[in-house]
N, C-alpha and C. Protein backbone atom coordinates (compact mmCIF):
# COMPACT_ATOMS: atom_id res chain seq x y z
N MET A 1 0.84 -1.17 0.00
CA MET A 1 0.00 0.00 0.00
C MET A 1 0.89 1.24 0.00
N HIS A 2 0.57 2.18 -0.87
CA HIS A 2 1.34 3.42 -0.94
C HIS A 2 0.89 4.35 0.19
N LEU A 3 1.85 5.05 0.78
CA LEU A 3 1.58 5.99 1.87
C LEU A 3 2.22 7.32 1.50
N HIS A 4 1.43 8.38 1.51
CA HIS A 4 1.93 9.73 1.23
C HIS A 4 1.33 10.66 2.28
N VAL A 5 2.19 11.27 3.09
CA VAL A 5 1.72 12.16 4.15
C VAL A 5 2.53 13.44 4.10
N THR A 6 1.85 14.57 4.23
CA THR A 6 2.48 15.88 4.21
C THR A 6 2.24 16.58 5.54
N ILE A 7 3.30 17.17 6.09
CA ILE A 7 3.20 17.94 7.33
C ILE A 7 3.72 19.35 7.05
N ASP A 8 2.89 20.35 7.28
CA ASP A 8 3.32 21.74 7.14
C ASP A 8 3.75 22.27 8.49
N LEU A 9 4.89 22.94 8.52
CA LEU A 9 5.45 23.46 9.77
C LEU A 9 5.58 24.97 9.69
N PRO A 10 5.19 25.67 10.75
CA PRO A 10 5.26 27.13 10.75
C PRO A 10 6.65 27.66 11.10
N THR A 11 7.65 27.23 10.34
CA THR A 11 9.01 27.68 10.51
C THR A 11 9.76 27.43 9.20
N ASP A 12 10.86 28.13 9.01
CA ASP A 12 11.62 27.90 7.78
C ASP A 12 12.27 26.51 7.83
N ALA A 13 12.87 26.10 6.73
CA ALA A 13 13.43 24.75 6.65
C ALA A 13 14.58 24.54 7.64
N HIS A 14 15.38 25.56 7.89
CA HIS A 14 16.47 25.43 8.87
C HIS A 14 15.89 25.21 10.27
N GLY A 15 14.85 25.97 10.61
CA GLY A 15 14.19 25.80 11.91
C GLY A 15 13.51 24.45 12.02
N ALA A 16 12.93 23.99 10.92
CA ALA A 16 12.28 22.67 10.92
C ALA A 16 13.30 21.58 11.18
N ALA A 17 14.48 21.69 10.57
CA ALA A 17 15.53 20.69 10.79
C ALA A 17 15.97 20.69 12.25
N ARG A 18 16.12 21.89 12.84
CA ARG A 18 16.48 21.95 14.27
C ARG A 18 15.41 21.27 15.11
N LEU A 19 14.16 21.47 14.74
CA LEU A 19 13.06 20.82 15.45
C LEU A 19 13.14 19.30 15.32
N LEU A 20 13.31 18.82 14.10
CA LEU A 20 13.34 17.38 13.84
C LEU A 20 14.51 16.68 14.52
N ALA A 21 15.59 17.43 14.78
CA ALA A 21 16.79 16.86 15.41
C ALA A 21 16.85 17.12 16.91
N ASP A 22 15.81 17.73 17.47
CA ASP A 22 15.77 18.05 18.90
C ASP A 22 15.21 16.85 19.68
N PRO A 23 16.04 16.17 20.49
CA PRO A 23 15.55 14.99 21.21
C PRO A 23 14.35 15.28 22.10
N ALA A 24 14.27 16.46 22.69
CA ALA A 24 13.12 16.79 23.56
C ALA A 24 11.84 16.88 22.73
N TYR A 25 11.91 17.50 21.57
CA TYR A 25 10.75 17.57 20.69
C TYR A 25 10.34 16.18 20.21
N VAL A 26 11.32 15.39 19.78
CA VAL A 26 11.02 14.04 19.30
C VAL A 26 10.34 13.22 20.40
N ALA A 27 10.84 13.32 21.62
CA ALA A 27 10.22 12.61 22.74
C ALA A 27 8.78 13.09 22.95
N ALA A 28 8.56 14.39 22.83
CA ALA A 28 7.21 14.94 23.02
C ALA A 28 6.24 14.44 21.96
N LYS A 29 6.68 14.38 20.70
CA LYS A 29 5.76 13.93 19.64
C LYS A 29 5.47 12.43 19.77
N VAL A 30 6.47 11.66 20.19
CA VAL A 30 6.26 10.22 20.37
C VAL A 30 5.28 9.98 21.53
N ARG A 31 5.47 10.72 22.61
CA ARG A 31 4.58 10.60 23.77
C ARG A 31 3.15 10.99 23.40
N GLU A 32 3.01 12.10 22.66
CA GLU A 32 1.69 12.58 22.25
C GLU A 32 0.98 11.58 21.34
N ALA A 33 1.73 10.80 20.59
CA ALA A 33 1.15 9.80 19.70
C ALA A 33 0.69 8.55 20.45
N GLY A 34 0.85 8.54 21.77
CA GLY A 34 0.32 7.44 22.57
C GLY A 34 1.32 6.45 23.11
N ALA A 35 2.60 6.74 22.99
CA ALA A 35 3.61 5.79 23.48
C ALA A 35 3.48 5.62 24.99
N VAL A 36 3.51 4.38 25.42
CA VAL A 36 3.49 4.09 26.86
C VAL A 36 4.90 3.87 27.38
N ASP A 37 5.83 3.67 26.48
CA ASP A 37 7.25 3.56 26.81
C ASP A 37 8.00 4.01 25.56
N GLN A 38 9.13 4.71 25.73
CA GLN A 38 9.82 5.24 24.56
C GLN A 38 11.30 5.42 24.81
N HIS A 39 12.04 5.46 23.70
CA HIS A 39 13.47 5.75 23.72
C HIS A 39 13.76 6.56 22.45
N VAL A 40 14.52 7.66 22.61
CA VAL A 40 14.86 8.53 21.49
C VAL A 40 16.37 8.65 21.41
N ASP A 41 16.91 8.53 20.19
CA ASP A 41 18.34 8.69 19.97
C ASP A 41 18.55 9.53 18.71
N VAL A 42 19.30 10.63 18.85
CA VAL A 42 19.62 11.47 17.72
C VAL A 42 21.14 11.46 17.57
N THR A 43 21.61 11.10 16.38
CA THR A 43 23.06 11.10 16.11
C THR A 43 23.33 12.05 14.95
N GLY A 44 24.55 12.55 14.90
CA GLY A 44 24.91 13.52 13.88
C GLY A 44 24.56 14.92 14.39
N THR A 45 24.60 15.89 13.48
CA THR A 45 24.27 17.26 13.88
C THR A 45 23.32 17.88 12.86
N VAL A 46 22.55 18.82 13.31
CA VAL A 46 21.61 19.51 12.43
C VAL A 46 22.34 20.31 11.36
N ASP A 47 23.61 20.64 11.60
CA ASP A 47 24.40 21.36 10.61
C ASP A 47 24.86 20.45 9.47
N GLY A 48 24.77 19.15 9.66
CA GLY A 48 25.14 18.17 8.63
C GLY A 48 24.04 17.15 8.50
N ALA A 49 24.44 15.93 8.31
CA ALA A 49 23.47 14.83 8.27
C ALA A 49 23.17 14.39 9.69
N PHE A 50 21.94 13.93 9.93
CA PHE A 50 21.58 13.40 11.24
C PHE A 50 20.57 12.28 11.10
N THR A 51 20.54 11.43 12.12
CA THR A 51 19.62 10.30 12.15
C THR A 51 18.84 10.34 13.46
N VAL A 52 17.54 10.16 13.35
CA VAL A 52 16.67 10.12 14.52
C VAL A 52 16.08 8.71 14.60
N THR A 53 16.34 8.04 15.72
CA THR A 53 15.81 6.70 15.95
C THR A 53 14.90 6.74 17.16
N THR A 54 13.70 6.26 17.00
CA THR A 54 12.79 6.15 18.14
C THR A 54 12.34 4.71 18.27
N ARG A 55 12.19 4.31 19.51
CA ARG A 55 11.58 3.02 19.83
C ARG A 55 10.45 3.35 20.79
N ARG A 56 9.29 2.82 20.49
CA ARG A 56 8.14 3.12 21.34
C ARG A 56 7.23 1.92 21.45
N GLN A 57 6.59 1.83 22.57
CA GLN A 57 5.61 0.79 22.80
C GLN A 57 4.25 1.47 22.78
N LEU A 58 3.37 0.97 21.92
CA LEU A 58 2.05 1.57 21.74
C LEU A 58 0.95 0.56 22.03
N PRO A 59 -0.16 1.05 22.59
CA PRO A 59 -1.32 0.16 22.72
C PRO A 59 -1.90 -0.09 21.32
N THR A 60 -2.62 -1.17 21.16
CA THR A 60 -3.14 -1.53 19.83
C THR A 60 -4.60 -1.13 19.64
N GLY A 61 -5.06 -0.16 20.40
CA GLY A 61 -6.46 0.25 20.33
C GLY A 61 -6.93 0.69 18.96
N GLN A 62 -6.05 1.26 18.13
CA GLN A 62 -6.49 1.72 16.82
C GLN A 62 -6.39 0.64 15.74
N ILE A 63 -5.92 -0.54 16.11
CA ILE A 63 -5.88 -1.65 15.17
C ILE A 63 -7.20 -2.43 15.30
N PRO A 64 -7.86 -2.74 14.19
CA PRO A 64 -9.13 -3.47 14.27
C PRO A 64 -8.98 -4.75 15.11
N ALA A 65 -10.01 -5.03 15.90
CA ALA A 65 -9.97 -6.14 16.85
C ALA A 65 -9.61 -7.47 16.19
N HIS A 66 -10.13 -7.74 14.99
CA HIS A 66 -9.86 -9.03 14.35
C HIS A 66 -8.41 -9.16 13.88
N LEU A 67 -7.66 -8.05 13.88
CA LEU A 67 -6.25 -8.11 13.48
C LEU A 67 -5.30 -8.10 14.68
N ARG A 68 -5.82 -7.82 15.87
CA ARG A 68 -4.97 -7.74 17.07
C ARG A 68 -4.32 -9.08 17.41
N ALA A 69 -4.90 -10.17 16.95
CA ALA A 69 -4.31 -11.48 17.22
C ALA A 69 -2.90 -11.56 16.63
N PHE A 70 -2.64 -10.79 15.60
CA PHE A 70 -1.32 -10.80 14.97
C PHE A 70 -0.29 -10.02 15.78
N VAL A 71 -0.75 -9.06 16.61
CA VAL A 71 0.20 -8.18 17.29
C VAL A 71 0.08 -8.15 18.81
N GLY A 72 -0.99 -8.67 19.38
CA GLY A 72 -1.16 -8.63 20.83
C GLY A 72 -1.76 -7.32 21.28
N ASP A 73 -1.63 -6.99 22.57
CA ASP A 73 -2.25 -5.77 23.08
C ASP A 73 -1.31 -4.56 23.10
N ARG A 74 -0.04 -4.77 22.76
CA ARG A 74 0.91 -3.67 22.61
C ARG A 74 1.83 -3.99 21.44
N ILE A 75 2.25 -2.94 20.77
CA ILE A 75 3.20 -3.15 19.68
C ILE A 75 4.46 -2.33 19.96
N ASP A 76 5.57 -2.88 19.55
CA ASP A 76 6.85 -2.20 19.66
C ASP A 76 7.20 -1.67 18.28
N VAL A 77 7.35 -0.35 18.20
CA VAL A 77 7.61 0.30 16.92
C VAL A 77 9.00 0.93 16.95
N ARG A 78 9.77 0.66 15.93
CA ARG A 78 11.09 1.29 15.75
C ARG A 78 11.03 2.11 14.48
N GLN A 79 11.36 3.39 14.60
CA GLN A 79 11.35 4.29 13.44
C GLN A 79 12.72 4.93 13.31
N VAL A 80 13.25 4.91 12.10
CA VAL A 80 14.54 5.53 11.82
C VAL A 80 14.36 6.50 10.67
N GLU A 81 14.72 7.77 10.92
CA GLU A 81 14.74 8.78 9.87
C GLU A 81 16.19 9.22 9.71
N ALA A 82 16.75 8.99 8.54
CA ALA A 82 18.13 9.38 8.25
C ALA A 82 18.09 10.55 7.28
N TRP A 83 18.47 11.73 7.78
CA TRP A 83 18.42 12.96 7.00
C TRP A 83 19.79 13.30 6.44
N GLU A 84 19.84 13.65 5.17
CA GLU A 84 21.08 14.11 4.54
C GLU A 84 21.35 15.56 4.96
N ALA A 85 22.55 16.04 4.68
CA ALA A 85 22.89 17.43 4.96
C ALA A 85 21.99 18.35 4.13
N ALA A 86 21.78 19.55 4.65
CA ALA A 86 20.90 20.51 3.99
C ALA A 86 21.56 21.19 2.80
N ARG A 87 20.71 21.57 1.86
CA ARG A 87 21.15 22.47 0.80
C ARG A 87 21.14 23.89 1.38
N GLU A 88 21.57 24.84 0.62
CA GLU A 88 21.67 26.21 1.12
C GLU A 88 20.33 26.76 1.62
N ASP A 89 19.24 26.40 0.95
CA ASP A 89 17.92 26.90 1.36
C ASP A 89 17.32 26.12 2.52
N GLY A 90 18.05 25.13 3.03
CA GLY A 90 17.57 24.33 4.16
C GLY A 90 16.88 23.05 3.76
N ALA A 91 16.61 22.88 2.48
CA ALA A 91 15.93 21.66 2.02
C ALA A 91 16.83 20.45 2.27
N ARG A 92 16.21 19.33 2.58
CA ARG A 92 16.92 18.08 2.84
C ARG A 92 16.10 16.92 2.29
N ALA A 93 16.77 15.82 2.12
CA ALA A 93 16.11 14.57 1.76
C ALA A 93 16.58 13.51 2.73
N GLY A 94 15.83 12.45 2.83
CA GLY A 94 16.23 11.37 3.71
C GLY A 94 15.44 10.12 3.45
N THR A 95 15.69 9.14 4.28
CA THR A 95 14.96 7.87 4.21
C THR A 95 14.26 7.64 5.54
N VAL A 96 13.21 6.87 5.48
CA VAL A 96 12.48 6.52 6.71
C VAL A 96 12.13 5.04 6.65
N VAL A 97 12.28 4.39 7.80
CA VAL A 97 11.90 2.99 7.95
C VAL A 97 11.14 2.87 9.27
N VAL A 98 10.00 2.22 9.22
CA VAL A 98 9.22 1.93 10.43
C VAL A 98 9.03 0.42 10.46
N GLU A 99 9.46 -0.18 11.58
CA GLU A 99 9.30 -1.62 11.76
C GLU A 99 8.47 -1.87 13.01
N ILE A 100 7.60 -2.83 12.93
CA ILE A 100 6.78 -3.21 14.07
C ILE A 100 7.24 -4.59 14.50
N ALA A 101 7.88 -4.64 15.68
CA ALA A 101 8.40 -5.92 16.19
C ALA A 101 7.25 -6.87 16.48
N GLY A 102 7.43 -8.10 16.09
CA GLY A 102 6.42 -9.11 16.36
C GLY A 102 5.27 -9.10 15.37
N ALA A 103 5.30 -8.16 14.43
CA ALA A 103 4.26 -8.12 13.40
C ALA A 103 4.96 -8.06 12.05
N PRO A 104 4.42 -8.72 11.09
CA PRO A 104 5.07 -8.74 9.77
C PRO A 104 4.74 -7.50 8.95
N VAL A 105 5.01 -6.31 9.54
CA VAL A 105 4.70 -5.05 8.87
C VAL A 105 5.94 -4.17 8.85
N ARG A 106 6.15 -3.54 7.69
CA ARG A 106 7.31 -2.65 7.55
C ARG A 106 6.90 -1.50 6.62
N VAL A 107 7.32 -0.29 6.99
CA VAL A 107 7.11 0.89 6.16
C VAL A 107 8.49 1.38 5.73
N THR A 108 8.69 1.58 4.44
CA THR A 108 9.96 2.12 3.94
C THR A 108 9.66 3.22 2.95
N GLY A 109 10.52 4.22 2.94
CA GLY A 109 10.29 5.28 1.97
C GLY A 109 11.30 6.40 2.06
N ARG A 110 10.95 7.47 1.38
CA ARG A 110 11.77 8.68 1.34
C ARG A 110 11.03 9.78 2.08
N THR A 111 11.79 10.72 2.58
CA THR A 111 11.21 11.89 3.20
C THR A 111 11.97 13.11 2.72
N THR A 112 11.26 14.21 2.60
CA THR A 112 11.88 15.46 2.19
C THR A 112 11.44 16.58 3.11
N LEU A 113 12.30 17.55 3.26
CA LEU A 113 12.01 18.78 3.99
C LEU A 113 12.30 19.91 3.02
N GLU A 114 11.29 20.75 2.77
CA GLU A 114 11.46 21.81 1.80
C GLU A 114 10.86 23.11 2.30
N PRO A 115 11.50 24.24 1.96
CA PRO A 115 10.87 25.53 2.25
C PRO A 115 9.66 25.69 1.33
N VAL A 116 8.57 26.27 1.84
CA VAL A 116 7.37 26.46 1.04
C VAL A 116 7.14 27.94 0.77
N ALA A 117 7.28 28.74 1.80
CA ALA A 117 7.10 30.19 1.73
C ALA A 117 7.91 30.75 2.90
N PRO A 118 8.12 32.05 2.94
CA PRO A 118 8.86 32.60 4.08
C PRO A 118 8.21 32.16 5.41
N GLY A 119 9.02 31.54 6.26
CA GLY A 119 8.53 31.11 7.58
C GLY A 119 7.70 29.84 7.57
N THR A 120 7.68 29.12 6.46
CA THR A 120 6.89 27.89 6.37
C THR A 120 7.70 26.83 5.63
N SER A 121 7.61 25.60 6.12
CA SER A 121 8.28 24.49 5.45
C SER A 121 7.34 23.29 5.44
N ARG A 122 7.73 22.30 4.68
CA ARG A 122 6.89 21.11 4.53
C ARG A 122 7.77 19.86 4.60
N VAL A 123 7.30 18.88 5.37
CA VAL A 123 7.92 17.57 5.42
C VAL A 123 6.97 16.61 4.71
N VAL A 124 7.52 15.84 3.77
CA VAL A 124 6.72 14.88 3.02
C VAL A 124 7.30 13.49 3.24
N TYR A 125 6.42 12.57 3.61
CA TYR A 125 6.77 11.16 3.73
C TYR A 125 6.11 10.43 2.57
N ASP A 126 6.88 9.67 1.82
CA ASP A 126 6.37 8.97 0.66
C ASP A 126 6.96 7.56 0.66
N GLY A 127 6.12 6.56 0.88
CA GLY A 127 6.67 5.22 0.97
C GLY A 127 5.64 4.13 0.77
N GLU A 128 6.05 2.95 1.14
CA GLU A 128 5.21 1.76 0.98
C GLU A 128 5.05 1.05 2.31
N VAL A 129 3.83 0.61 2.58
CA VAL A 129 3.52 -0.21 3.75
C VAL A 129 3.37 -1.63 3.22
N ARG A 130 4.13 -2.55 3.80
CA ARG A 130 4.08 -3.95 3.38
C ARG A 130 3.82 -4.84 4.58
N ALA A 131 2.90 -5.76 4.40
CA ALA A 131 2.60 -6.75 5.43
C ALA A 131 2.71 -8.13 4.81
N ALA A 132 3.40 -9.01 5.49
CA ALA A 132 3.58 -10.38 5.01
C ALA A 132 2.65 -11.31 5.78
N VAL A 133 1.36 -11.11 5.57
CA VAL A 133 0.35 -11.92 6.25
C VAL A 133 -0.56 -12.51 5.18
N PRO A 134 -0.49 -13.80 4.94
CA PRO A 134 -1.36 -14.40 3.92
C PRO A 134 -2.84 -14.10 4.22
N LEU A 135 -3.57 -13.77 3.19
CA LEU A 135 -5.00 -13.48 3.23
C LEU A 135 -5.36 -12.15 3.87
N PHE A 136 -4.60 -11.67 4.84
CA PHE A 136 -4.95 -10.46 5.55
C PHE A 136 -4.02 -9.28 5.26
N ALA A 137 -3.10 -9.43 4.32
CA ALA A 137 -2.08 -8.40 4.08
C ALA A 137 -2.70 -7.03 3.82
N ALA A 138 -3.70 -6.94 2.97
CA ALA A 138 -4.29 -5.64 2.65
C ALA A 138 -4.90 -4.99 3.89
N ALA A 139 -5.60 -5.76 4.71
CA ALA A 139 -6.21 -5.21 5.92
C ALA A 139 -5.15 -4.76 6.92
N VAL A 140 -4.10 -5.55 7.07
CA VAL A 140 -3.02 -5.19 7.99
C VAL A 140 -2.30 -3.94 7.49
N GLU A 141 -2.03 -3.87 6.19
CA GLU A 141 -1.38 -2.70 5.61
C GLU A 141 -2.23 -1.45 5.81
N GLU A 142 -3.53 -1.57 5.61
CA GLU A 142 -4.42 -0.43 5.78
C GLU A 142 -4.43 0.03 7.24
N ALA A 143 -4.48 -0.91 8.17
CA ALA A 143 -4.45 -0.56 9.60
C ALA A 143 -3.13 0.09 9.98
N ALA A 144 -2.03 -0.46 9.49
CA ALA A 144 -0.71 0.11 9.79
C ALA A 144 -0.57 1.49 9.16
N GLY A 145 -1.03 1.64 7.93
CA GLY A 145 -0.99 2.94 7.27
C GLY A 145 -1.81 3.97 8.01
N GLY A 146 -2.96 3.57 8.51
CA GLY A 146 -3.79 4.48 9.31
C GLY A 146 -3.10 4.91 10.58
N ALA A 147 -2.41 3.98 11.23
CA ALA A 147 -1.69 4.31 12.46
C ALA A 147 -0.54 5.27 12.18
N VAL A 148 0.16 5.07 11.06
CA VAL A 148 1.26 5.97 10.69
C VAL A 148 0.71 7.36 10.37
N ARG A 149 -0.39 7.43 9.61
CA ARG A 149 -1.01 8.72 9.30
C ARG A 149 -1.43 9.45 10.57
N ALA A 150 -2.03 8.73 11.51
CA ALA A 150 -2.47 9.35 12.77
C ALA A 150 -1.28 9.88 13.56
N ALA A 151 -0.19 9.11 13.61
CA ALA A 151 1.00 9.57 14.33
C ALA A 151 1.58 10.82 13.68
N LEU A 152 1.59 10.88 12.35
CA LEU A 152 2.13 12.05 11.67
C LEU A 152 1.22 13.26 11.80
N ALA A 153 -0.09 13.05 11.85
CA ALA A 153 -1.01 14.17 12.09
C ALA A 153 -0.78 14.73 13.49
N THR A 154 -0.54 13.85 14.45
CA THR A 154 -0.21 14.28 15.80
C THR A 154 1.07 15.10 15.79
N GLU A 155 2.05 14.66 14.98
CA GLU A 155 3.32 15.38 14.90
C GLU A 155 3.11 16.82 14.44
N GLN A 156 2.24 17.03 13.47
CA GLN A 156 1.99 18.39 13.00
C GLN A 156 1.43 19.26 14.12
N ALA A 157 0.50 18.73 14.90
CA ALA A 157 -0.08 19.50 16.01
C ALA A 157 0.95 19.79 17.09
N VAL A 158 1.76 18.80 17.44
CA VAL A 158 2.80 18.99 18.46
C VAL A 158 3.82 20.02 17.98
N ALA A 159 4.20 19.96 16.71
CA ALA A 159 5.17 20.91 16.16
C ALA A 159 4.63 22.34 16.23
N ALA A 160 3.38 22.52 15.87
CA ALA A 160 2.79 23.87 15.91
C ALA A 160 2.80 24.42 17.33
N ARG A 161 2.40 23.60 18.31
CA ARG A 161 2.43 24.04 19.72
C ARG A 161 3.85 24.33 20.17
N TRP A 162 4.78 23.44 19.82
CA TRP A 162 6.18 23.57 20.22
C TRP A 162 6.77 24.87 19.67
N LEU A 163 6.54 25.12 18.38
CA LEU A 163 7.11 26.30 17.74
C LEU A 163 6.48 27.60 18.21
N SER A 164 5.23 27.53 18.66
CA SER A 164 4.55 28.74 19.17
C SER A 164 4.95 29.03 20.60
N GLY A 165 5.62 28.04 21.25
CA GLY A 165 5.98 28.21 22.65
C GLY A 165 4.85 27.79 23.59
N ALA A 166 3.73 27.29 23.05
CA ALA A 166 2.59 26.91 23.87
C ALA A 166 2.89 25.74 24.80
N ASP A 167 3.91 24.94 24.48
CA ASP A 167 4.30 23.82 25.34
C ASP A 167 5.34 24.24 26.36
N GLY A 168 5.62 25.55 26.41
CA GLY A 168 6.62 26.04 27.36
C GLY A 168 8.04 25.94 26.84
N HIS A 169 8.21 25.70 25.56
CA HIS A 169 9.53 25.60 24.96
C HIS A 169 9.80 26.84 24.11
N ALA A 170 11.05 27.21 24.04
CA ALA A 170 11.43 28.34 23.21
C ALA A 170 11.29 27.96 21.75
N GLN A 171 10.99 28.94 20.93
CA GLN A 171 10.89 28.69 19.49
C GLN A 171 12.22 28.22 18.94
N THR A 172 12.14 27.35 17.95
CA THR A 172 13.33 26.76 17.34
C THR A 172 13.84 27.62 16.17
N THR A 173 13.04 28.56 15.70
CA THR A 173 13.45 29.36 14.55
C THR A 173 14.38 30.47 14.94
């Protein structure tokens, strides 16, 4: 199943990269998406290439009941975003992989960060959701894709609050 998600951020591309590489922000967005346990690791620097790895344990409430037998009552999700160094305008490209431990589901794709207008940038995730479950692959892929879309929609809301200072954090721009 193809997955395409766009997140608009109220900051320029350089500020968006600082946000995406900020371990405190990453922890906040993972927590807001429903993680009951989490680990965040950021390597590299925002001035060059950087990689953000999150591991989180999520309840399976948003997965249809008939599919929960495949994953249990909690799922362990590992997400890795590897961002290349920025171009002069702050635009970047990268790769993203989401793996769900104990479930035969994997999301792989590309991600981009681009300036859109003064003070605005956009992050685009474009990839494929694959499930290796005979007979139920399409349903599992749709459920996993829905969960990824929901997590990314949460990310947009958390980013807007974070950048406005509403969460008690200084602006990243």
